[in-house]
């Protein structure tokens, strides 16, 4: 799969989230081993980062903080370059500062300020490709930073629970639909078997693959029914034709009677 060159911010954010944390791990009771936050305001500042990833387990880089700015167009990337104070507000509180874009056409690596990293979708799987490595430095852990992260973590937990609720609702809906289809299928099969039983009872014979005493093949039964129905259709057609002729004769008789009455009246007038 080729690396996408056009993505919405929401699509890029979801892909980056999956890069850091697998979707199934987000609602795993054991936890994801990391936290992915969005729209996080820097301590003592009004500057917000698009995404912040914090490792919690050793296997997830415990204590590591990655701040990411998502850019889906050249103009968006240029605006980021024109406002370096946004990156400066978060720089002390992260181990690495990243630009995340759909492709290098959106954010060319030679235009990156010193120390900034660049990631783009890898094209296969969920992991992103590192185009430019960021400057690694020690993150300053402060009380304002912890307060900011905890506030956003609570929001993230609520969103994860809502996501789990939607997933469970969808699974329950699909399960109910499957059970309903199975019930309808069984009902249809039962009705057809019942109709077959009535047919065999009326024929006084059983349908079987091979004809033997008291049994006939479905083909034989079908041929017999066909001949019967054709004969019955011919009889019905003859009856219909006879009724039509009778109606026509009745009409002619009525006309003749009316003409006779008119003639009688005329004759009476000459007397």
Protein backbone atom coordinates (compact mmCIF):
# COMPACT_ATOMS: atom_id res chain seq x y z
CA UNK A 1 0.00 0.00 0.00
CA UNK A 2 1.43 3.36 -1.02
CA UNK A 3 1.97 6.09 1.53
CA UNK A 4 -1.06 8.41 1.43
CA UNK A 5 -0.29 11.96 0.28
CA UNK A 6 -3.69 13.41 1.24
CA UNK A 7 -5.26 12.90 4.63
CA UNK A 8 -7.54 14.85 6.92
CA UNK A 9 -6.30 15.86 10.35
CA UNK A 10 -8.68 13.33 11.91
CA UNK A 11 -7.34 10.52 9.68
CA UNK A 12 -3.74 11.44 10.42
CA UNK A 13 -4.47 11.63 14.15
CA UNK A 14 -6.11 8.20 14.17
CA UNK A 15 -3.16 6.73 12.26
CA UNK A 16 -0.67 8.30 14.69
CA UNK A 17 -2.69 7.02 17.64
CA UNK A 18 -2.46 3.51 16.15
CA UNK A 19 1.28 4.01 15.63
CA UNK A 20 1.79 4.57 19.35
CA UNK A 21 -1.00 2.34 20.71
CA UNK A 22 -2.74 -0.55 18.94
CA UNK A 23 -6.52 -0.01 18.77
CA UNK A 24 -7.27 -3.20 20.72
CA UNK A 25 -4.91 -2.16 23.51
CA UNK A 26 -6.84 1.06 24.12
CA UNK A 27 -9.71 -0.85 25.74
CA UNK A 28 -7.70 -3.77 27.10
CA UNK A 29 -8.43 -4.24 30.83
CA UNK A 30 -4.68 -4.71 31.38
CA UNK A 31 -4.02 -1.26 29.96
CA UNK A 32 -2.13 -0.04 26.93
CA UNK A 33 1.18 0.70 28.62
CA UNK A 34 1.04 4.22 27.24
CA UNK A 35 -1.24 7.25 27.03
CA UNK A 36 -2.12 9.20 23.90
CA UNK A 37 -3.56 12.65 24.50
CA UNK A 38 -4.82 15.28 22.05
CA UNK A 39 -5.11 19.07 22.21
CA UNK A 40 -2.94 19.36 25.32
CA UNK A 41 -2.10 22.84 26.62
CA UNK A 42 1.50 23.38 27.68
CA UNK A 43 2.09 24.26 31.35
CA UNK A 44 1.90 28.00 32.07
CA UNK A 45 0.99 28.67 28.45
CA UNK A 46 -1.91 28.81 26.03
CA UNK A 47 -0.02 26.82 23.37
CA UNK A 48 -1.61 23.47 22.62
CA UNK A 49 0.03 20.40 21.16
CA UNK A 50 -1.98 18.36 18.68
CA UNK A 51 -0.90 15.07 20.31
CA UNK A 52 1.18 13.95 23.28
CA UNK A 53 2.34 10.36 23.79
CA UNK A 54 3.53 9.23 27.23
CA UNK A 55 5.10 5.85 27.82
CA UNK A 56 4.05 4.12 31.05
CA UNK A 57 5.62 0.66 30.85
CA UNK A 58 9.30 -0.05 30.34
CA UNK A 59 8.43 -1.79 27.07
CA UNK A 60 6.65 1.41 25.99
CA UNK A 61 9.46 3.76 26.99
CA UNK A 62 8.40 4.48 30.56
CA UNK A 63 8.50 8.19 31.33
CA UNK A 64 9.07 9.19 27.71
CA UNK A 65 7.06 12.13 26.36
CA UNK A 66 6.68 12.74 22.63
CA UNK A 67 4.97 15.94 21.51
CA UNK A 68 3.54 15.84 17.98
CA UNK A 69 2.22 18.53 15.67
CA UNK A 70 0.01 17.22 12.85
CA UNK A 71 0.28 19.01 9.50
CA UNK A 72 -1.82 17.95 6.50
CA UNK A 73 -0.96 20.76 4.08
CA UNK A 74 1.98 22.93 3.08
CA UNK A 75 0.20 26.02 4.37
CA UNK A 76 -0.42 24.35 7.72
CA UNK A 77 3.26 23.39 7.98
CA UNK A 78 4.38 26.90 7.02
CA UNK A 79 2.19 28.39 9.75
CA UNK A 80 3.90 26.13 12.27
CA UNK A 81 7.30 27.37 11.12
CA UNK A 82 6.11 30.97 11.43
CA UNK A 83 5.16 30.44 15.10
CA UNK A 84 8.20 28.86 16.79
CA UNK A 85 6.88 29.93 20.20
CA UNK A 86 4.38 27.07 20.01
CA UNK A 87 7.17 24.51 19.89
CA UNK A 88 9.15 26.46 22.50
CA UNK A 89 6.27 26.23 24.98
CA UNK A 90 6.41 22.42 24.86
CA UNK A 91 10.14 21.93 24.27
CA UNK A 92 11.19 21.74 27.97
CA UNK A 93 8.46 19.21 28.79
CA UNK A 94 9.12 16.58 26.13
CA UNK A 95 11.85 14.16 25.13
CA UNK A 96 11.23 14.81 21.45
CA UNK A 97 9.26 17.24 19.31
CA UNK A 98 7.77 15.84 16.09
CA UNK A 99 6.13 17.08 12.94
CA UNK A 100 3.73 14.42 11.64
CA UNK A 101 2.57 14.76 8.04
CA UNK A 102 1.00 12.54 5.35
CA UNK A 103 4.16 12.83 3.21
CA UNK A 104 7.47 14.65 2.81
CA UNK A 105 5.80 16.81 0.14
CA UNK A 106 3.77 18.43 2.92
CA UNK A 107 6.76 18.85 5.27
CA UNK A 108 10.14 18.59 3.49
CA UNK A 109 12.83 17.48 5.95
CA UNK A 110 15.26 20.20 4.79
CA UNK A 111 12.76 22.85 6.00
CA UNK A 112 12.63 21.52 9.57
CA UNK A 113 14.09 23.71 12.31
CA UNK A 114 17.08 22.15 14.15
CA UNK A 115 16.03 19.46 16.61
CA UNK A 116 12.60 18.77 15.17
CA UNK A 117 11.74 15.25 14.04
CA UNK A 118 9.55 14.18 11.13
CA UNK A 119 7.29 11.13 10.81
CA UNK A 120 5.04 10.03 7.93
CA UNK A 121 2.77 6.98 7.54
CA UNK A 122 4.83 3.91 6.73
CA UNK A 123 2.59 2.62 3.97
CA UNK A 124 2.28 -0.86 5.51
CA UNK A 125 0.93 -1.68 8.91
CA UNK A 126 0.34 0.87 11.62
CA UNK A 127 3.92 2.00 12.31
CA UNK A 128 5.06 5.37 10.98
CA UNK A 129 8.34 5.96 9.17
CA UNK A 130 10.90 8.28 10.76
CA UNK A 131 12.18 10.65 8.08
CA UNK A 132 14.16 12.92 10.40
CA UNK A 133 15.24 11.99 13.92
CA UNK A 134 14.47 14.61 16.55
CA UNK A 135 16.88 15.92 19.15
CA UNK A 136 16.52 13.80 22.26
CA UNK A 137 16.61 15.66 25.60
CA UNK A 138 15.46 15.18 29.16
CA UNK A 139 11.86 16.17 29.82
CA UNK A 140 11.19 18.50 32.74
CA UNK A 141 8.61 16.90 35.02
CA UNK A 142 6.77 19.58 37.00
CA UNK A 143 3.56 19.85 38.96
CA UNK A 144 1.87 22.03 36.28
CA UNK A 145 2.83 19.43 33.67
CA UNK A 146 1.39 16.60 35.76
CA UNK A 147 -1.86 18.53 36.31
CA UNK A 148 -2.19 19.18 32.58
CA UNK A 149 -1.54 15.54 31.69
CA UNK A 150 -3.90 14.19 34.35
CA UNK A 151 -6.73 16.44 33.15
CA UNK A 152 -6.32 15.22 29.60
CA UNK A 153 -5.86 11.62 30.73
CA UNK A 154 -9.28 11.70 32.38
CA UNK A 155 -10.83 12.95 29.15
CA UNK A 156 -9.02 10.22 27.24
CA UNK A 157 -10.34 7.54 29.61
CA UNK A 158 -13.90 8.77 29.10
CA UNK A 159 -13.43 8.69 25.33
CA UNK A 160 -11.98 5.18 25.52
CA UNK A 161 -14.96 4.01 27.58
CA UNK A 162 -17.31 5.56 25.04
CA UNK A 163 -15.42 3.79 22.28
CA UNK A 164 -15.73 0.50 24.15
CA UNK A 165 -19.43 1.11 24.67
CA UNK A 166 -19.91 1.75 20.94
CA UNK A 167 -17.95 -1.40 20.12
CA UNK A 168 -20.00 -3.52 22.53
CA UNK A 169 -23.25 -2.06 21.21
CA UNK A 170 -22.19 -2.85 17.64
CA UNK A 171 -21.21 -6.40 18.59
CA UNK A 172 -24.55 -6.90 20.39
CA UNK A 173 -26.43 -5.55 17.36
CA UNK A 174 -24.55 -7.84 14.97
CA UNK A 175 -25.16 -10.82 17.27
CA UNK A 176 -28.89 -10.10 17.41
CA UNK A 177 -29.02 -9.72 13.63
CA UNK A 178 -27.22 -13.05 13.18
CA UNK A 179 -29.59 -14.84 15.59
CA UNK A 180 -32.60 -13.33 13.80
CA UNK A 181 -31.31 -14.47 10.40
CA UNK A 182 -30.71 -17.98 11.75
CA UNK A 183 -34.21 -18.13 13.21
CA UNK A 184 -35.76 -16.95 9.95
CA UNK A 185 -33.69 -19.51 8.06
CA UNK A 186 -34.81 -22.31 10.37
CA UNK A 187 -38.44 -21.17 10.11
CA UNK A 188 -38.25 -21.12 6.31
CA UNK A 189 -36.68 -24.58 6.24
CA UNK A 190 -39.31 -25.92 8.63
CA UNK A 191 -42.15 -24.51 6.52
CA UNK A 192 -40.72 -26.04 3.35
CA UNK A 193 -40.37 -29.43 5.04
CA UNK A 194 -43.93 -29.19 6.30
CA UNK A 195 -45.17 -28.39 2.76
CA UNK A 196 -43.20 -31.36 1.42
CA UNK A 197 -44.79 -33.59 4.02
CA UNK A 198 -48.29 -32.44 3.02
CA UNK A 199 -47.47 -33.07 -0.67
CA UNK A 200 -46.28 -36.62 0.07
CA UNK A 201 -49.38 -37.25 2.14
CA UNK A 202 -51.70 -36.08 -0.64
CA UNK A 203 -49.78 -38.07 -3.26
CA UNK A 204 -49.85 -41.12 -1.06
CA UNK A 205 -46.19 -41.67 -1.95
CA UNK A 206 -42.81 -40.63 -0.63
CA UNK A 207 -40.29 -38.61 -2.64
CA UNK A 208 -36.94 -40.37 -2.85
CA UNK A 209 -33.82 -40.51 -5.02
CA UNK A 210 -34.80 -43.92 -6.38
CA UNK A 211 -38.31 -45.17 -7.28
CA UNK A 212 -39.37 -48.25 -5.37
CA UNK A 213 -42.50 -49.48 -3.64
CA UNK A 214 -44.46 -46.51 -2.37
CA UNK A 215 -41.70 -44.05 -3.49
CA UNK A 216 -41.22 -41.87 -6.55
CA UNK A 217 -38.42 -39.54 -7.60
CA UNK A 218 -38.91 -35.76 -7.46
CA UNK A 219 -38.51 -35.72 -11.27
CA UNK A 220 -41.33 -38.22 -11.73
CA UNK A 221 -43.57 -36.30 -9.37
CA UNK A 222 -42.76 -33.05 -11.15
CA UNK A 223 -43.55 -34.57 -14.57
CA UNK A 224 -46.84 -35.96 -13.32
CA UNK A 225 -47.81 -32.65 -11.74
CA UNK A 226 -46.85 -30.85 -14.92
CA UNK A 227 -49.06 -33.09 -17.07
CA UNK A 228 -51.89 -32.74 -14.57
CA UNK A 229 -51.59 -28.97 -14.35
CA UNK A 230 -51.41 -28.68 -18.14
CA UNK A 231 -54.53 -30.84 -18.43
CA UNK A 232 -56.21 -28.84 -15.71
CA UNK A 233 -55.23 -25.64 -17.50
CA UNK A 234 -56.79 -26.98 -20.73
CA UNK A 235 -59.98 -27.87 -18.87
CA UNK A 236 -60.09 -24.43 -17.24
CA UNK A 237 -59.53 -22.83 -20.65
CA UNK A 238 -62.35 -24.89 -22.21
CA UNK A 239 -64.68 -23.95 -19.38
CA UNK A 240 -63.81 -20.33 -19.84
CA UNK A 241 -64.48 -20.53 -23.57
CA UNK A 242 -67.83 -22.25 -22.95
CA UNK A 243 -68.84 -19.52 -20.49
CA UNK A 244 -67.91 -16.91 -23.09
CA UNK A 245 -70.03 -18.62 -25.76
CA UNK A 246 -72.96 -18.91 -23.36
CA UNK A 247 -72.75 -15.20 -22.54
CA UNK A 248 -72.65 -14.39 -26.25
CA UNK A 249 -75.71 -16.58 -26.95
CA UNK A 250 -77.56 -14.95 -24.08
CA UNK A 251 -76.77 -11.54 -25.54
CA UNK A 252 -78.01 -12.64 -29.02
CA UNK A 253 -81.18 -14.08 -27.48
CA UNK A 254 -81.88 -10.84 -25.63
CA UNK A 255 -81.37 -8.85 -28.83
CA UNK A 256 -83.72 -11.18 -30.72
CA UNK A 257 -86.35 -10.90 -27.98
CA UNK A 258 -86.08 -7.11 -28.02
CA UNK A 259 -86.46 -7.01 -31.82
CA UNK A 260 -89.50 -9.34 -31.64
CA UNK A 261 -91.10 -7.07 -29.04
CA UNK A 262 -90.51 -4.03 -31.23
CA UNK A 263 -92.00 -5.82 -34.27
CA UNK A 264 -95.08 -6.87 -32.26
CA UNK A 265 -95.69 -3.29 -31.17
CA UNK A 266 -95.43 -2.06 -34.75
CA UNK A 267 -97.91 -4.75 -35.95
CA UNK A 268 -100.40 -3.79 -33.28
CA UNK A 269 -100.31 -0.22 -34.54
CA UNK A 270 -101.55 -1.24 -38.01
CA UNK A 271 -104.57 -3.12 -36.67
